[in-house]
């Protein structure tokens, strides 16, 4: 589905190569057929945005946001997490360090071409974005945390999922490898027409298009471990952080966003709360607000942060 229809085109004043972007080299940063890169244009072309999808999701769920950012001239790269866009077995075979390694590798590839990089993620992708910002302050100039999911504690989450703390015991006993928590209505989407289309895709069997329709038990164990890792290190975060969350998020309560505000004591944190969306804020009714606020944030980073990528290239050129 083409969710980008209706967004107004923005005039570009310069071709991409005027800013020194090598589009052919940039295209080479994609390592799977599901990843995509959108080269920037004009003065903003050397500001890159690395987008990270959520658990059981795909890079495709970030495409609308990517188009909105790219129309403002930014270079955008959507990475694919290890184990995703395949079978449930593929996903269960991965651990959270594998997902983080996917983001770190994507950051490494993108940063070679950029003066500034902002990392932004949705749901579990937001947690991974925070993780990579904590670990690589030298490469991450800003982080956008959208619908952050440290915990599945939204209003649509069944009561029995509160027993998730027992899952590590089940895995130790070899129980539940093929078990899943199936997603429940409204599936993170307040817009009913959009929800119907997305649910149809989720059940089409094409996991690369809309992700998997359920969350494997063993994968939730890894999310909990990732979340514990990131939360314990939030005080180490130095990069400016934009946190956007729906007040009535059905998957992860707004308390997840407040955890960042309270925990990231050494970083400037900007919190934006939305009133007309559920969990999937990048495609739901507030999507234009999400794009606008993220665009403002990335532009601010580009205008104030030191151009680290350019400094590195100049040092290499001069043999330093």
C-alpha atoms as a PDB file:
ATOM      1  CA  UNK A   1       0.000   0.000   0.000  1.00  0.00           C
ATOM      2  CA  UNK A   2       1.201   3.507  -0.786  1.00  0.00           C
ATOM      3  CA  UNK A   3       0.752   5.374   2.488  1.00  0.00           C
ATOM      4  CA  UNK A   4       2.894   8.261   1.231  1.00  0.00           C
ATOM      5  CA  UNK A   5       0.243   9.526  -1.201  1.00  0.00           C
ATOM      6  CA  UNK A   6      -0.975  12.938  -0.214  1.00  0.00           C
ATOM      7  CA  UNK A   7       2.294  14.247   1.164  1.00  0.00           C
ATOM      8  CA  UNK A   8       3.322  17.371  -0.715  1.00  0.00           C
ATOM      9  CA  UNK A   9       6.554  17.262  -2.691  1.00  0.00           C
ATOM     10  CA  UNK A  10       9.307  19.539  -1.498  1.00  0.00           C
ATOM     11  CA  UNK A  11      11.413  21.376  -4.054  1.00  0.00           C
ATOM     12  CA  UNK A  12      15.117  20.499  -4.042  1.00  0.00           C
ATOM     13  CA  UNK A  13      17.552  23.293  -4.826  1.00  0.00           C
ATOM     14  CA  UNK A  14      20.635  21.143  -5.552  1.00  0.00           C
ATOM     15  CA  UNK A  15      21.296  17.708  -7.073  1.00  0.00           C
ATOM     16  CA  UNK A  16      22.595  15.041  -4.704  1.00  0.00           C
ATOM     17  CA  UNK A  17      26.127  15.019  -6.083  1.00  0.00           C
ATOM     18  CA  UNK A  18      26.442  18.777  -5.461  1.00  0.00           C
ATOM     19  CA  UNK A  19      26.756  17.938  -1.770  1.00  0.00           C
ATOM     20  CA  UNK A  20      29.327  15.226  -2.490  1.00  0.00           C
ATOM     21  CA  UNK A  21      27.012  12.229  -2.129  1.00  0.00           C
ATOM     22  CA  UNK A  22      28.144   9.231  -4.155  1.00  0.00           C
ATOM     23  CA  UNK A  23      24.781   7.568  -4.796  1.00  0.00           C
ATOM     24  CA  UNK A  24      26.316   4.422  -6.248  1.00  0.00           C
ATOM     25  CA  UNK A  25      28.509   3.898  -3.188  1.00  0.00           C
ATOM     26  CA  UNK A  26      25.591   4.754  -0.913  1.00  0.00           C
ATOM     27  CA  UNK A  27      23.397   2.119  -2.548  1.00  0.00           C
ATOM     28  CA  UNK A  28      26.009  -0.463  -1.588  1.00  0.00           C
ATOM     29  CA  UNK A  29      25.297  -0.077   2.136  1.00  0.00           C
ATOM     30  CA  UNK A  30      22.165  -2.227   1.841  1.00  0.00           C
ATOM     31  CA  UNK A  31      23.055  -5.828   2.690  1.00  0.00           C
ATOM     32  CA  UNK A  32      19.625  -7.456   2.194  1.00  0.00           C
ATOM     33  CA  UNK A  33      16.917  -7.056  -0.413  1.00  0.00           C
ATOM     34  CA  UNK A  34      14.541  -5.687   2.232  1.00  0.00           C
ATOM     35  CA  UNK A  35      16.754  -2.810   3.305  1.00  0.00           C
ATOM     36  CA  UNK A  36      16.549   0.489   1.463  1.00  0.00           C
ATOM     37  CA  UNK A  37      18.458   3.746   1.254  1.00  0.00           C
ATOM     38  CA  UNK A  38      17.192   7.123   0.043  1.00  0.00           C
ATOM     39  CA  UNK A  39      20.042   9.491  -0.923  1.00  0.00           C
ATOM     40  CA  UNK A  40      19.640  13.023   0.342  1.00  0.00           C
ATOM     41  CA  UNK A  41      19.784  16.254  -1.617  1.00  0.00           C
ATOM     42  CA  UNK A  42      21.232  19.707  -1.178  1.00  0.00           C
ATOM     43  CA  UNK A  43      22.831  20.956   2.006  1.00  0.00           C
ATOM     44  CA  UNK A  44      21.061  18.297   4.104  1.00  0.00           C
ATOM     45  CA  UNK A  45      22.359  15.345   2.099  1.00  0.00           C
ATOM     46  CA  UNK A  46      25.277  14.643   4.455  1.00  0.00           C
ATOM     47  CA  UNK A  47      22.932  14.317   7.424  1.00  0.00           C
ATOM     48  CA  UNK A  48      21.942  10.676   7.650  1.00  0.00           C
ATOM     49  CA  UNK A  49      19.053   9.046   9.485  1.00  0.00           C
ATOM     50  CA  UNK A  50      19.368   5.357  10.351  1.00  0.00           C
ATOM     51  CA  UNK A  51      15.907   3.845  10.876  1.00  0.00           C
ATOM     52  CA  UNK A  52      15.348   0.670  12.929  1.00  0.00           C
ATOM     53  CA  UNK A  53      12.151  -1.385  12.762  1.00  0.00           C
ATOM     54  CA  UNK A  54      10.514  -3.222  15.636  1.00  0.00           C
ATOM     55  CA  UNK A  55      10.376  -6.831  16.805  1.00  0.00           C
ATOM     56  CA  UNK A  56       8.816  -9.151  14.183  1.00  0.00           C
ATOM     57  CA  UNK A  57       8.688  -6.095  11.890  1.00  0.00           C
ATOM     58  CA  UNK A  58      10.443  -5.156   8.657  1.00  0.00           C
ATOM     59  CA  UNK A  59      12.228  -2.145   7.134  1.00  0.00           C
ATOM     60  CA  UNK A  60       9.028  -1.579   5.123  1.00  0.00           C
ATOM     61  CA  UNK A  61       7.243  -0.313   8.244  1.00  0.00           C
ATOM     62  CA  UNK A  62       9.686   2.619   8.273  1.00  0.00           C
ATOM     63  CA  UNK A  63       9.213   3.600   4.618  1.00  0.00           C
ATOM     64  CA  UNK A  64       6.594   6.305   5.133  1.00  0.00           C
ATOM     65  CA  UNK A  65       8.711   8.009   7.769  1.00  0.00           C
ATOM     66  CA  UNK A  66      11.768   7.617   5.531  1.00  0.00           C
ATOM     67  CA  UNK A  67      10.006   9.326   2.633  1.00  0.00           C
ATOM     68  CA  UNK A  68       8.953  12.224   4.827  1.00  0.00           C
ATOM     69  CA  UNK A  69      12.515  12.756   6.061  1.00  0.00           C
ATOM     70  CA  UNK A  70      14.045  12.286   2.636  1.00  0.00           C
ATOM     71  CA  UNK A  71      11.776  14.948   1.143  1.00  0.00           C
ATOM     72  CA  UNK A  72      13.513  17.414   3.435  1.00  0.00           C
ATOM     73  CA  UNK A  73      16.870  16.459   1.909  1.00  0.00           C
ATOM     74  CA  UNK A  74      18.178  13.997   4.503  1.00  0.00           C
ATOM     75  CA  UNK A  75      19.782  10.700   3.531  1.00  0.00           C
ATOM     76  CA  UNK A  76      17.803   7.817   5.041  1.00  0.00           C
ATOM     77  CA  UNK A  77      18.813   4.179   5.492  1.00  0.00           C
ATOM     78  CA  UNK A  78      16.458   1.519   6.889  1.00  0.00           C
ATOM     79  CA  UNK A  79      18.337  -1.459   8.298  1.00  0.00           C
ATOM     80  CA  UNK A  80      17.057  -5.038   8.674  1.00  0.00           C
ATOM     81  CA  UNK A  81      17.515  -6.756  12.021  1.00  0.00           C
ATOM     82  CA  UNK A  82      19.013 -10.239  12.198  1.00  0.00           C
ATOM     83  CA  UNK A  83      16.431 -13.030  12.061  1.00  0.00           C
ATOM     84  CA  UNK A  84      13.683 -10.806  10.656  1.00  0.00           C
ATOM     85  CA  UNK A  85      11.829 -10.884   7.312  1.00  0.00           C
ATOM     86  CA  UNK A  86      11.907 -14.668   7.363  1.00  0.00           C
ATOM     87  CA  UNK A  87      10.319 -17.485   9.318  1.00  0.00           C
ATOM     88  CA  UNK A  88       9.445 -17.681  12.992  1.00  0.00           C
ATOM     89  CA  UNK A  89      12.312 -20.165  13.357  1.00  0.00           C
ATOM     90  CA  UNK A  90      14.751 -17.624  11.892  1.00  0.00           C
ATOM     91  CA  UNK A  91      13.691 -15.104  14.512  1.00  0.00           C
ATOM     92  CA  UNK A  92      13.828 -17.507  17.451  1.00  0.00           C
ATOM     93  CA  UNK A  93      17.381 -18.465  16.484  1.00  0.00           C
ATOM     94  CA  UNK A  94      18.621 -14.905  17.127  1.00  0.00           C
ATOM     95  CA  UNK A  95      19.443 -13.078  20.369  1.00  0.00           C
ATOM     96  CA  UNK A  96      19.390  -9.396  21.256  1.00  0.00           C
ATOM     97  CA  UNK A  97      23.151  -8.928  20.660  1.00  0.00           C
ATOM     98  CA  UNK A  98      22.516 -10.125  17.086  1.00  0.00           C
ATOM     99  CA  UNK A  99      19.891  -7.393  16.601  1.00  0.00           C
ATOM    100  CA  UNK A 100      22.177  -4.778  18.102  1.00  0.00           C
ATOM    101  CA  UNK A 101      25.012  -5.947  15.850  1.00  0.00           C
ATOM    102  CA  UNK A 102      22.754  -5.360  12.834  1.00  0.00           C
ATOM    103  CA  UNK A 103      22.194  -1.754  13.884  1.00  0.00           C
ATOM    104  CA  UNK A 104      25.866  -1.180  14.712  1.00  0.00           C
ATOM    105  CA  UNK A 105      26.924  -2.539  11.332  1.00  0.00           C
ATOM    106  CA  UNK A 106      24.355  -0.332   9.590  1.00  0.00           C
ATOM    107  CA  UNK A 107      25.592   2.681  11.534  1.00  0.00           C
ATOM    108  CA  UNK A 108      29.154   1.916  10.524  1.00  0.00           C
ATOM    109  CA  UNK A 109      28.241   1.678   6.836  1.00  0.00           C
ATOM    110  CA  UNK A 110      26.114   4.844   6.830  1.00  0.00           C
ATOM    111  CA  UNK A 111      28.478   6.991   8.901  1.00  0.00           C
ATOM    112  CA  UNK A 112      31.255   6.596   6.319  1.00  0.00           C
ATOM    113  CA  UNK A 113      29.234   8.813   3.987  1.00  0.00           C
ATOM    114  CA  UNK A 114      27.756  11.288   6.473  1.00  0.00           C
ATOM    115  CA  UNK A 115      28.803  14.319   8.509  1.00  0.00           C
ATOM    116  CA  UNK A 116      26.015  13.662  11.036  1.00  0.00           C
ATOM    117  CA  UNK A 117      23.955  10.577  11.876  1.00  0.00           C
ATOM    118  CA  UNK A 118      20.701  10.393  13.833  1.00  0.00           C
ATOM    119  CA  UNK A 119      19.431   6.935  14.787  1.00  0.00           C
ATOM    120  CA  UNK A 120      15.681   6.470  15.100  1.00  0.00           C
ATOM    121  CA  UNK A 121      13.622   3.401  15.868  1.00  0.00           C
ATOM    122  CA  UNK A 122      10.086   2.217  16.466  1.00  0.00           C
ATOM    123  CA  UNK A 123       9.052   0.012  19.402  1.00  0.00           C
ATOM    124  CA  UNK A 124      11.924  -2.436  20.004  1.00  0.00           C
ATOM    125  CA  UNK A 125      13.773  -0.464  17.330  1.00  0.00           C
ATOM    126  CA  UNK A 126      13.623   2.507  19.692  1.00  0.00           C
ATOM    127  CA  UNK A 127      15.297   0.433  22.417  1.00  0.00           C
ATOM    128  CA  UNK A 128      18.011  -0.617  19.963  1.00  0.00           C
ATOM    129  CA  UNK A 129      18.477   3.022  18.903  1.00  0.00           C
ATOM    130  CA  UNK A 130      19.093   3.976  22.514  1.00  0.00           C
ATOM    131  CA  UNK A 131      21.497   1.053  22.882  1.00  0.00           C
ATOM    132  CA  UNK A 132      23.601   2.058  19.897  1.00  0.00           C
ATOM    133  CA  UNK A 133      23.632   5.703  21.045  1.00  0.00           C
ATOM    134  CA  UNK A 134      24.863   4.593  24.482  1.00  0.00           C
ATOM    135  CA  UNK A 135      27.601   2.455  22.937  1.00  0.00           C
ATOM    136  CA  UNK A 136      28.725   4.774  20.124  1.00  0.00           C
ATOM    137  CA  UNK A 137      28.546   8.425  21.203  1.00  0.00           C
ATOM    138  CA  UNK A 138      31.315   9.133  18.679  1.00  0.00           C
ATOM    139  CA  UNK A 139      29.034   8.154  15.776  1.00  0.00           C
ATOM    140  CA  UNK A 140      25.510   9.033  16.977  1.00  0.00           C
ATOM    141  CA  UNK A 141      24.662  12.752  17.052  1.00  0.00           C
ATOM    142  CA  UNK A 142      21.044  12.247  18.078  1.00  0.00           C
ATOM    143  CA  UNK A 143      18.483   9.534  18.778  1.00  0.00           C
ATOM    144  CA  UNK A 144      14.741   9.396  18.082  1.00  0.00           C
ATOM    145  CA  UNK A 145      12.818   6.965  20.256  1.00  0.00           C
ATOM    146  CA  UNK A 146       9.344   6.257  18.862  1.00  0.00           C
ATOM    147  CA  UNK A 147       6.795   4.170  20.809  1.00  0.00           C
ATOM    148  CA  UNK A 148       9.612   2.823  22.964  1.00  0.00           C
ATOM    149  CA  UNK A 149       8.888  -0.689  24.220  1.00  0.00           C
ATOM    150  CA  UNK A 150      10.846  -1.704  27.286  1.00  0.00           C
ATOM    151  CA  UNK A 151       7.723  -3.550  28.440  1.00  0.00           C
ATOM    152  CA  UNK A 152       4.557  -4.864  26.825  1.00  0.00           C
ATOM    153  CA  UNK A 153       2.222  -3.083  29.218  1.00  0.00           C
ATOM    154  CA  UNK A 154      -0.286  -1.282  26.989  1.00  0.00           C
ATOM    155  CA  UNK A 155      -4.042  -1.485  27.513  1.00  0.00           C
ATOM    156  CA  UNK A 156      -4.607  -4.147  24.815  1.00  0.00           C
ATOM    157  CA  UNK A 157      -1.992  -6.572  26.150  1.00  0.00           C
ATOM    158  CA  UNK A 158      -3.611  -9.691  27.705  1.00  0.00           C
ATOM    159  CA  UNK A 159      -3.197 -10.149  31.454  1.00  0.00           C
ATOM    160  CA  UNK A 160      -1.369 -13.459  31.082  1.00  0.00           C
ATOM    161  CA  UNK A 161       1.582 -11.737  29.395  1.00  0.00           C
ATOM    162  CA  UNK A 162       2.455 -10.321  32.804  1.00  0.00           C
ATOM    163  CA  UNK A 163       3.811 -13.786  33.524  1.00  0.00           C
ATOM    164  CA  UNK A 164       6.571 -13.207  30.966  1.00  0.00           C
ATOM    165  CA  UNK A 165       9.138 -13.287  33.783  1.00  0.00           C
ATOM    166  CA  UNK A 166       8.650 -17.078  33.747  1.00  0.00           C
ATOM    167  CA  UNK A 167       9.747 -17.399  30.115  1.00  0.00           C
ATOM    168  CA  UNK A 168      13.489 -17.840  30.837  1.00  0.00           C
ATOM    169  CA  UNK A 169      12.603 -20.839  32.986  1.00  0.00           C
ATOM    170  CA  UNK A 170      10.528 -22.280  30.143  1.00  0.00           C
ATOM    171  CA  UNK A 171      13.423 -21.843  27.720  1.00  0.00           C
ATOM    172  CA  UNK A 172      15.844 -23.469  30.165  1.00  0.00           C
ATOM    173  CA  UNK A 173      13.479 -26.447  30.248  1.00  0.00           C
ATOM    174  CA  UNK A 174      13.157 -26.463  26.451  1.00  0.00           C
ATOM    175  CA  UNK A 175       9.518 -25.378  26.615  1.00  0.00           C
ATOM    176  CA  UNK A 176       7.862 -22.935  24.248  1.00  0.00           C
ATOM    177  CA  UNK A 177      10.281 -22.661  21.332  1.00  0.00           C
ATOM    178  CA  UNK A 178       7.381 -22.630  18.875  1.00  0.00           C
ATOM    179  CA  UNK A 179       4.935 -20.768  21.116  1.00  0.00           C
ATOM    180  CA  UNK A 180       3.864 -17.203  20.381  1.00  0.00           C
ATOM    181  CA  UNK A 181       1.823 -14.411  21.897  1.00  0.00           C
ATOM    182  CA  UNK A 182      -0.511 -13.511  19.046  1.00  0.00           C
ATOM    183  CA  UNK A 183      -1.125  -9.819  18.518  1.00  0.00           C
ATOM    184  CA  UNK A 184      -4.539  -8.515  19.582  1.00  0.00           C
ATOM    185  CA  UNK A 185      -6.865  -5.868  18.127  1.00  0.00           C
ATOM    186  CA  UNK A 186      -6.389  -2.974  17.499  1.00  0.00           C
ATOM    187  CA  UNK A 187      -2.889  -4.112  16.446  1.00  0.00           C
ATOM    188  CA  UNK A 188      -1.321  -0.770  17.308  1.00  0.00           C
ATOM    189  CA  UNK A 189      -3.413   1.213  14.829  1.00  0.00           C
ATOM    190  CA  UNK A 190      -6.242   3.590  15.672  1.00  0.00           C
ATOM    191  CA  UNK A 191      -7.216   4.330  12.050  1.00  0.00           C
ATOM    192  CA  UNK A 192      -9.682   1.536  11.261  1.00  0.00           C
ATOM    193  CA  UNK A 193      -9.302   1.526   7.472  1.00  0.00           C
ATOM    194  CA  UNK A 194      -5.534   1.424   7.713  1.00  0.00           C
ATOM    195  CA  UNK A 195      -5.743  -1.270  10.371  1.00  0.00           C
ATOM    196  CA  UNK A 196      -7.768  -3.525   8.086  1.00  0.00           C
ATOM    197  CA  UNK A 197      -5.175  -3.245   5.307  1.00  0.00           C
ATOM    198  CA  UNK A 198      -2.246  -3.899   7.622  1.00  0.00           C
ATOM    199  CA  UNK A 199      -3.917  -6.921   9.260  1.00  0.00           C
ATOM    200  CA  UNK A 200      -4.593  -8.370   5.810  1.00  0.00           C
ATOM    201  CA  UNK A 201      -0.890  -8.041   4.993  1.00  0.00           C
ATOM    202  CA  UNK A 202       0.141  -9.534   8.344  1.00  0.00           C
ATOM    203  CA  UNK A 203      -1.853 -12.673   7.595  1.00  0.00           C
ATOM    204  CA  UNK A 204      -0.782 -12.904   3.953  1.00  0.00           C
ATOM    205  CA  UNK A 205       2.226 -15.062   4.820  1.00  0.00           C
ATOM    206  CA  UNK A 206       4.734 -12.532   3.444  1.00  0.00           C
ATOM    207  CA  UNK A 207       6.744 -11.612   6.553  1.00  0.00           C
ATOM    208  CA  UNK A 208       8.989  -9.279   4.554  1.00  0.00           C
ATOM    209  CA  UNK A 209       6.007  -7.050   3.749  1.00  0.00           C
ATOM    210  CA  UNK A 210       4.268  -6.658   7.096  1.00  0.00           C
ATOM    211  CA  UNK A 211       6.152  -8.785   9.609  1.00  0.00           C
ATOM    212  CA  UNK A 212       4.988 -11.761  11.624  1.00  0.00           C
ATOM    213  CA  UNK A 213       1.533 -11.799  13.270  1.00  0.00           C
ATOM    214  CA  UNK A 214       2.774 -12.939  16.679  1.00  0.00           C
ATOM    215  CA  UNK A 215       5.653 -12.538  19.121  1.00  0.00           C
ATOM    216  CA  UNK A 216       7.582 -15.743  19.903  1.00  0.00           C
ATOM    217  CA  UNK A 217       8.010 -16.460  23.601  1.00  0.00           C
ATOM    218  CA  UNK A 218      11.760 -16.852  23.303  1.00  0.00           C
ATOM    219  CA  UNK A 219      12.077 -13.578  21.384  1.00  0.00           C
ATOM    220  CA  UNK A 220      10.256 -11.740  24.168  1.00  0.00           C
ATOM    221  CA  UNK A 221      12.908 -13.100  26.556  1.00  0.00           C
ATOM    222  CA  UNK A 222      15.524 -11.358  24.419  1.00  0.00           C
ATOM    223  CA  UNK A 223      13.576  -8.093  24.380  1.00  0.00           C
ATOM    224  CA  UNK A 224      13.397  -8.152  28.177  1.00  0.00           C
ATOM    225  CA  UNK A 225      17.158  -8.686  28.375  1.00  0.00           C
ATOM    226  CA  UNK A 226      17.823  -5.922  25.855  1.00  0.00           C
ATOM    227  CA  UNK A 227      15.565  -3.563  27.798  1.00  0.00           C
ATOM    228  CA  UNK A 228      17.334  -4.314  31.076  1.00  0.00           C
ATOM    229  CA  UNK A 229      20.671  -3.652  29.391  1.00  0.00           C
ATOM    230  CA  UNK A 230      19.549  -0.280  27.970  1.00  0.00           C
ATOM    231  CA  UNK A 231      17.688   0.921  31.069  1.00  0.00           C
ATOM    232  CA  UNK A 232      20.706   0.233  33.293  1.00  0.00           C
ATOM    233  CA  UNK A 233      22.861   2.425  31.036  1.00  0.00           C
ATOM    234  CA  UNK A 234      20.505   5.335  30.297  1.00  0.00           C
ATOM    235  CA  UNK A 235      22.579   7.593  32.526  1.00  0.00           C
ATOM    236  CA  UNK A 236      25.450   7.070  30.048  1.00  0.00           C
ATOM    237  CA  UNK A 237      23.446   8.496  27.152  1.00  0.00           C
ATOM    238  CA  UNK A 238      24.900  11.795  25.942  1.00  0.00           C
ATOM    239  CA  UNK A 239      23.226  12.268  22.568  1.00  0.00           C
ATOM    240  CA  UNK A 240      20.180  14.571  22.386  1.00  0.00           C
ATOM    241  CA  UNK A 241      17.036  12.444  22.380  1.00  0.00           C
ATOM    242  CA  UNK A 242      13.585  12.985  20.892  1.00  0.00           C
ATOM    243  CA  UNK A 243      10.964  10.744  22.497  1.00  0.00           C
ATOM    244  CA  UNK A 244       7.565  10.473  20.788  1.00  0.00           C
ATOM    245  CA  UNK A 245       4.818   8.310  22.273  1.00  0.00           C
ATOM    246  CA  UNK A 246       1.039   8.022  22.045  1.00  0.00           C
ATOM    247  CA  UNK A 247      -0.787   8.762  25.281  1.00  0.00           C
ATOM    248  CA  UNK A 248      -3.087   5.796  24.602  1.00  0.00           C
ATOM    249  CA  UNK A 249      -0.523   3.376  23.186  1.00  0.00           C
ATOM    250  CA  UNK A 250      -2.154  -0.051  23.218  1.00  0.00           C
ATOM    251  CA  UNK A 251       1.131  -2.011  23.183  1.00  0.00           C
ATOM    252  CA  UNK A 252       3.513  -0.101  25.444  1.00  0.00           C
ATOM    253  CA  UNK A 253       2.238   2.412  27.979  1.00  0.00           C
ATOM    254  CA  UNK A 254       3.455   5.983  28.081  1.00  0.00           C
ATOM    255  CA  UNK A 255       5.435   4.979  31.159  1.00  0.00           C
ATOM    256  CA  UNK A 256       8.051   3.568  28.775  1.00  0.00           C
ATOM    257  CA  UNK A 257       8.657   7.079  27.441  1.00  0.00           C
ATOM    258  CA  UNK A 258       8.883   8.538  30.928  1.00  0.00           C
ATOM    259  CA  UNK A 259      11.561   5.961  31.759  1.00  0.00           C
ATOM    260  CA  UNK A 260      13.813   7.681  29.223  1.00  0.00           C
ATOM    261  CA  UNK A 261      13.015  11.158  30.538  1.00  0.00           C
ATOM    262  CA  UNK A 262      13.849  10.107  34.085  1.00  0.00           C
ATOM    263  CA  UNK A 263      16.799   7.845  33.275  1.00  0.00           C
ATOM    264  CA  UNK A 264      18.753   9.831  30.668  1.00  0.00           C
ATOM    265  CA  UNK A 265      20.033  12.348  33.204  1.00  0.00           C
ATOM    266  CA  UNK A 266      23.074  13.406  31.143  1.00  0.00           C
ATOM    267  CA  UNK A 267      21.248  13.987  27.842  1.00  0.00           C
ATOM    268  CA  UNK A 268      18.803  16.595  26.619  1.00  0.00           C
ATOM    269  CA  UNK A 269      15.486  14.755  26.232  1.00  0.00           C
ATOM    270  CA  UNK A 270      12.485  16.213  24.399  1.00  0.00           C
ATOM    271  CA  UNK A 271       9.168  14.424  25.019  1.00  0.00           C
ATOM    272  CA  UNK A 272       6.249  14.651  22.564  1.00  0.00           C
ATOM    273  CA  UNK A 273       2.943  12.965  23.446  1.00  0.00           C
ATOM    274  CA  UNK A 274       0.338  12.221  20.774  1.00  0.00           C
ATOM    275  CA  UNK A 275      -3.442  12.101  21.224  1.00  0.00           C
ATOM    276  CA  UNK A 276      -4.761  10.486  18.030  1.00  0.00           C
ATOM    277  CA  UNK A 277      -2.716   7.317  17.507  1.00  0.00           C
ATOM    278  CA  UNK A 278      -1.943   4.006  19.130  1.00  0.00           C
ATOM    279  CA  UNK A 279       1.395   2.181  18.947  1.00  0.00           C
ATOM    280  CA  UNK A 280       2.264   2.450  15.230  1.00  0.00           C
ATOM    281  CA  UNK A 281       2.711   6.212  15.259  1.00  0.00           C
ATOM    282  CA  UNK A 282       4.754   6.234  12.044  1.00  0.00           C
ATOM    283  CA  UNK A 283       1.685   5.242   9.996  1.00  0.00           C
ATOM    284  CA  UNK A 284      -1.292   6.085  12.222  1.00  0.00           C
ATOM    285  CA  UNK A 285      -3.282   9.332  12.376  1.00  0.00           C
ATOM    286  CA  UNK A 286      -0.477  11.400  13.907  1.00  0.00           C
ATOM    287  CA  UNK A 287       2.110  10.346  11.312  1.00  0.00           C
ATOM    288  CA  UNK A 288       2.487  13.865   9.881  1.00  0.00           C
ATOM    289  CA  UNK A 289       3.215  15.198  13.349  1.00  0.00           C
ATOM    290  CA  UNK A 290       5.822  12.467  13.873  1.00  0.00           C
ATOM    291  CA  UNK A 291       7.516  13.321  10.580  1.00  0.00           C
ATOM    292  CA  UNK A 292       7.424  17.065  11.298  1.00  0.00           C
ATOM    293  CA  UNK A 293       8.839  16.782  14.813  1.00  0.00           C
ATOM    294  CA  UNK A 294      11.525  14.345  13.750  1.00  0.00           C
ATOM    295  CA  UNK A 295      12.451  16.576  10.792  1.00  0.00           C
ATOM    296  CA  UNK A 296      12.835  19.561  13.128  1.00  0.00           C
ATOM    297  CA  UNK A 297      14.980  17.499  15.487  1.00  0.00           C
ATOM    298  CA  UNK A 298      17.290  16.157  12.764  1.00  0.00           C
ATOM    299  CA  UNK A 299      17.685  19.634  11.242  1.00  0.00           C
ATOM    300  CA  UNK A 300      18.610  21.026  14.662  1.00  0.00           C
ATOM    301  CA  UNK A 301      21.227  18.298  15.121  1.00  0.00           C
ATOM    302  CA  UNK A 302      22.708  19.059  11.702  1.00  0.00           C
ATOM    303  CA  UNK A 303      22.990  22.765  12.514  1.00  0.00           C
ATOM    304  CA  UNK A 304      24.583  22.382  15.946  1.00  0.00           C
ATOM    305  CA  UNK A 305      26.640  19.170  16.035  1.00  0.00           C
ATOM    306  CA  UNK A 306      30.238  19.033  14.859  1.00  0.00           C
ATOM    307  CA  UNK A 307      30.525  17.334  11.423  1.00  0.00           C
ATOM    308  CA  UNK A 308      32.294  14.225  12.684  1.00  0.00           C
ATOM    309  CA  UNK A 309      32.190  12.296   9.422  1.00  0.00           C
ATOM    310  CA  UNK A 310      33.807  15.104   7.485  1.00  0.00           C
ATOM    311  CA  UNK A 311      36.538  15.497  10.097  1.00  0.00           C
ATOM    312  CA  UNK A 312      37.317  11.791   9.834  1.00  0.00           C
ATOM    313  CA  UNK A 313      37.537  11.883   6.032  1.00  0.00           C
ATOM    314  CA  UNK A 314      39.783  14.953   6.093  1.00  0.00           C
ATOM    315  CA  UNK A 315      42.096  13.291   8.611  1.00  0.00           C
ATOM    316  CA  UNK A 316      42.377  10.214   6.398  1.00  0.00           C
ATOM    317  CA  UNK A 317      43.019  12.384   3.329  1.00  0.00           C
ATOM    318  CA  UNK A 318      45.890  14.128   5.126  1.00  0.00           C
ATOM    319  CA  UNK A 319      47.357  10.888   6.468  1.00  0.00           C
ATOM    320  CA  UNK A 320      46.554  11.666  10.109  1.00  0.00           C
END
